[in-house]
Protein backbone atom coordinates (compact mmCIF):
# COMPACT_ATOMS: atom_id res chain seq x y z
CA UNK A 1 -0.02 0.09 0.00
CA UNK A 2 2.87 2.67 0.71
CA UNK A 3 4.47 2.18 -2.70
CA UNK A 4 0.71 2.87 -4.19
CA UNK A 5 0.37 5.94 -2.22
CA UNK A 6 3.70 7.04 -2.57
CA UNK A 7 2.88 6.58 -6.32
CA UNK A 8 -0.28 8.18 -6.44
CA UNK A 9 0.09 11.26 -4.45
CA UNK A 10 3.59 12.07 -6.48
CA UNK A 11 1.47 12.12 -9.57
CA UNK A 12 -0.21 15.44 -8.33
CA UNK A 13 1.95 16.73 -5.56
CA UNK A 14 5.63 17.40 -4.53
CA UNK A 15 6.89 15.34 -1.78
CA UNK A 16 9.71 16.55 0.13
CA UNK A 17 11.12 13.66 2.62
CA UNK A 18 11.74 14.76 6.25
CA UNK A 19 14.34 13.95 8.62
CA UNK A 20 13.38 11.61 11.28
CA UNK A 21 16.91 10.99 13.10
CA UNK A 22 16.45 8.14 15.66
CA UNK A 23 12.84 7.52 15.12
CA UNK A 24 13.52 6.75 11.61
CA UNK A 25 14.11 3.08 12.83
CA UNK A 26 13.12 1.56 16.26
CA UNK A 27 14.08 -1.50 17.21
CA UNK A 28 13.09 -3.46 20.51
CA UNK A 29 12.96 -7.10 20.26
CA UNK A 30 10.87 -8.61 19.09
CA UNK A 31 9.73 -5.39 17.25
CA UNK A 32 11.22 -3.52 14.39
CA UNK A 33 9.46 -0.14 13.22
CA UNK A 34 10.45 1.77 10.00
CA UNK A 35 8.92 5.13 9.64
CA UNK A 36 9.06 7.83 6.79
CA UNK A 37 7.54 11.19 6.80
CA UNK A 38 6.89 13.62 3.68
CA UNK A 39 5.74 17.18 3.55
CA UNK A 40 3.27 17.34 0.71
CA UNK A 41 3.45 20.89 -0.24
CA UNK A 42 -0.02 22.79 -0.69
CA UNK A 43 -1.07 19.76 1.26
CA UNK A 44 0.20 19.15 4.55
CA UNK A 45 1.80 15.53 5.98
CA UNK A 46 2.06 11.99 5.03
CA UNK A 47 3.60 9.40 7.00
CA UNK A 48 4.23 5.85 6.90
CA UNK A 49 5.28 3.16 9.78
CA UNK A 50 5.80 -0.39 9.41
CA UNK A 51 6.21 -2.92 12.05
CA UNK A 52 7.23 -6.47 11.71
CA UNK A 53 7.48 -9.06 15.26
CA UNK A 54 8.30 -12.69 16.08
CA UNK A 55 10.58 -13.35 12.39
CA UNK A 56 7.62 -12.02 10.14
CA UNK A 57 4.77 -13.69 11.96
CA UNK A 58 2.84 -10.43 12.65
CA UNK A 59 3.19 -7.56 10.41
CA UNK A 60 1.81 -4.08 10.37
CA UNK A 61 1.60 -1.13 8.00
CA UNK A 62 0.00 2.22 8.20
CA UNK A 63 0.12 5.36 6.21
CA UNK A 64 -1.53 8.69 7.14
CA UNK A 65 -2.44 11.48 5.06
CA UNK A 66 -2.94 14.61 6.99
CA UNK A 67 -4.28 17.60 5.12
CA UNK A 68 -3.16 20.97 6.92
CA UNK A 69 -3.19 23.58 3.88
CA UNK A 70 -6.62 21.85 2.79
CA UNK A 71 -10.12 21.52 4.51
CA UNK A 72 -10.34 17.57 4.81
CA UNK A 73 -10.24 15.52 7.52
CA UNK A 74 -6.97 13.23 7.89
CA UNK A 75 -6.93 9.41 6.55
CA UNK A 76 -5.41 6.22 8.04
CA UNK A 77 -4.78 3.01 6.49
CA UNK A 78 -3.82 0.38 8.12
CA UNK A 79 -3.18 -3.31 7.25
CA UNK A 80 -2.32 -6.05 10.20
CA UNK A 81 -1.57 -9.92 9.61
CA UNK A 82 -1.29 -11.85 12.16
CA UNK A 83 -1.57 -15.95 12.56
CA UNK A 84 -3.09 -16.14 9.28
CA UNK A 85 -5.53 -13.35 9.78
CA UNK A 86 -5.68 -10.02 7.63
CA UNK A 87 -7.31 -6.80 8.73
CA UNK A 88 -7.86 -3.88 6.40
CA UNK A 89 -8.90 -0.52 7.85
CA UNK A 90 -9.29 2.58 5.98
CA UNK A 91 -10.49 5.24 8.23
CA UNK A 92 -11.21 8.89 8.53
CA UNK A 93 -11.49 11.13 11.65
CA UNK A 94 -13.25 14.56 12.31
CA UNK A 95 -10.46 16.67 12.07
CA UNK A 96 -11.81 19.33 9.22
CA UNK A 97 -13.71 22.57 9.38
CA UNK A 98 -16.21 21.43 6.97
CA UNK A 99 -17.11 18.14 5.85
CA UNK A 100 -17.76 17.47 2.27
CA UNK A 101 -20.31 14.78 0.50
CA UNK A 102 -19.26 11.11 1.58
CA UNK A 103 -21.94 9.57 -0.81
CA UNK A 104 -18.88 8.27 -2.83
CA UNK A 105 -18.06 5.90 0.32
CA UNK A 106 -21.52 4.48 0.39
CA UNK A 107 -20.66 2.81 -3.16
CA UNK A 108 -17.25 1.44 -1.87
CA UNK A 109 -19.33 -0.27 0.99
CA UNK A 110 -21.71 -2.11 -0.92
CA UNK A 111 -19.18 -2.95 -3.19
CA UNK A 112 -17.10 -4.91 -0.52
CA UNK A 113 -20.07 -5.85 1.62
CA UNK A 114 -18.93 -9.36 0.88
CA UNK A 115 -15.79 -8.85 2.98
CA UNK A 116 -16.39 -9.39 7.33
CA UNK A 117 -16.66 -6.47 9.07
CA UNK A 118 -13.81 -5.87 11.97
CA UNK A 119 -15.08 -4.92 15.11
CA UNK A 120 -12.54 -3.23 17.70
CA UNK A 121 -12.88 -2.50 21.30
CA UNK A 122 -14.80 0.62 22.09
CA UNK A 123 -12.46 3.48 22.09
CA UNK A 124 -12.79 7.09 22.50
CA UNK A 125 -12.14 7.99 19.31
CA UNK A 126 -15.15 5.94 18.22
CA UNK A 127 -17.14 9.31 18.10
CA UNK A 128 -14.84 10.78 16.05
CA UNK A 129 -14.97 8.30 12.93
CA UNK A 130 -16.27 9.68 9.90
CA UNK A 131 -19.01 7.73 7.69
CA UNK A 132 -16.25 6.80 4.78
CA UNK A 133 -14.40 4.30 7.33
CA UNK A 134 -14.28 0.85 6.43
CA UNK A 135 -12.55 -2.01 7.94
CA UNK A 136 -12.75 -6.02 6.98
CA UNK A 137 -10.97 -8.86 8.31
CA UNK A 138 -10.55 -12.38 7.40
CA UNK A 139 -8.20 -15.14 5.95
CA UNK A 140 -6.83 -15.09 2.55
CA UNK A 141 -9.13 -11.60 1.44
CA UNK A 142 -5.94 -9.87 0.29
CA UNK A 143 -7.02 -9.69 -3.21
CA UNK A 144 -10.53 -8.00 -2.71
CA UNK A 145 -9.61 -6.20 0.67
CA UNK A 146 -6.27 -4.71 -1.13
CA UNK A 147 -8.55 -3.81 -3.91
CA UNK A 148 -10.90 -1.84 -1.33
CA UNK A 149 -7.81 0.10 -0.01
CA UNK A 150 -7.07 1.29 -3.49
CA UNK A 151 -10.84 2.36 -4.12
CA UNK A 152 -10.60 4.22 -1.04
CA UNK A 153 -7.54 5.86 -1.63
CA UNK A 154 -8.90 7.03 -4.86
CA UNK A 155 -11.96 8.39 -3.24
CA UNK A 156 -9.93 10.43 -0.71
CA UNK A 157 -7.58 11.75 -3.09
CA UNK A 158 -10.99 13.21 -5.12
CA UNK A 159 -11.74 14.65 -1.83
CA UNK A 160 -8.69 16.19 -1.27
CA UNK A 161 -8.34 17.50 -5.00
CA UNK A 162 -11.36 19.18 -4.30
CA UNK A 163 -10.93 20.47 -0.85
CA UNK A 164 -10.81 23.80 -0.17
CA UNK A 165 -7.84 25.96 1.00
CA UNK A 166 -8.09 27.01 4.27
CA UNK A 167 -6.25 28.50 7.48
CA UNK A 168 -3.37 26.22 8.63
CA UNK A 169 -3.41 27.62 11.91
CA UNK A 170 -7.01 26.72 12.43
CA UNK A 171 -6.73 23.63 10.89
CA UNK A 172 -3.85 22.55 12.67
CA UNK A 173 -5.65 23.44 16.01
CA UNK A 174 -8.39 20.93 14.70
CA UNK A 175 -5.70 18.02 14.54
CA UNK A 176 -3.97 18.93 17.59
CA UNK A 177 -7.25 18.24 19.40
CA UNK A 178 -7.22 14.76 18.28
CA UNK A 179 -3.45 14.17 18.32
CA UNK A 180 -3.52 15.67 22.12
CA UNK A 181 -6.38 13.16 23.29
CA UNK A 182 -4.56 10.02 21.34
CA UNK A 183 -1.31 10.87 23.44
CA UNK A 184 -2.95 11.45 26.67
CA UNK A 185 -5.92 8.95 26.24
CA UNK A 186 -4.28 6.43 23.89
CA UNK A 187 -4.78 3.40 21.57
CA UNK A 188 -4.12 0.07 20.57
CA UNK A 189 -0.79 0.81 18.64
CA UNK A 190 0.03 3.87 20.75
CA UNK A 191 0.00 1.95 24.22
CA UNK A 192 1.85 -0.41 22.59
CA UNK A 193 4.50 2.28 21.47
CA UNK A 194 4.45 3.69 25.05
CA UNK A 195 5.85 0.52 26.30
CA UNK A 196 8.40 0.09 23.71
CA UNK A 197 10.12 3.64 23.21
CA UNK A 198 8.43 5.57 26.03
CA UNK A 199 5.43 8.08 26.27
CA UNK A 200 8.08 11.24 25.27
CA UNK A 201 9.40 9.46 22.17
CA UNK A 202 5.90 8.17 21.23
CA UNK A 203 4.57 11.51 21.53
CA UNK A 204 7.01 13.19 19.40
CA UNK A 205 6.45 10.33 16.72
CA UNK A 206 2.58 11.24 16.69
CA UNK A 207 2.49 14.98 16.81
CA UNK A 208 5.46 15.92 14.64
CA UNK A 209 5.55 12.90 11.96
CA UNK A 210 2.91 11.22 11.73
CA UNK A 211 0.39 14.06 12.01
CA UNK A 212 2.76 16.98 10.82
CA UNK A 213 2.15 19.53 13.40
């Protein structure tokens, strides 16, 4: 998914790699995390993190597109594979000053309705998850689920292309409200990172690089 997102975004935008120092690669047995962050000119921030554990028996890859110069909520793309089970998630969380028409995602939901929905434990951010979000899980669903993720990406990029410019500081404040709660109240991935690299570095990774604040 990472290479697909990079390829698609480079067609329309200029991406500049960001220096991440010691947070570029994080290793603590049995985990290895590799991170990349980009400034997307005229848009905002793009971030990737991939994780391998147990000699590759468990993998996770995440991409986050955070518009800061455009009035559109940020999007997460997550793929988790463990013990033969695969989970694919596209999620948008409320961080825009105004939301656009999301009807294109209703068509996507119908198209991939045959795949099993993924149900996560209740979290504080559930109330902020927007209508386009779709999560599926199962065994050997890679072909269909990957197509679903690509379709969601294309639909999101249409929204991004049409999103109006906005006040960067106002938009940052909206994103900061989310990241502040994510850092203080946690989430599944955040809780794990806190244990692996500590709260201070986790907060830096989230705020500075994942969301580009």
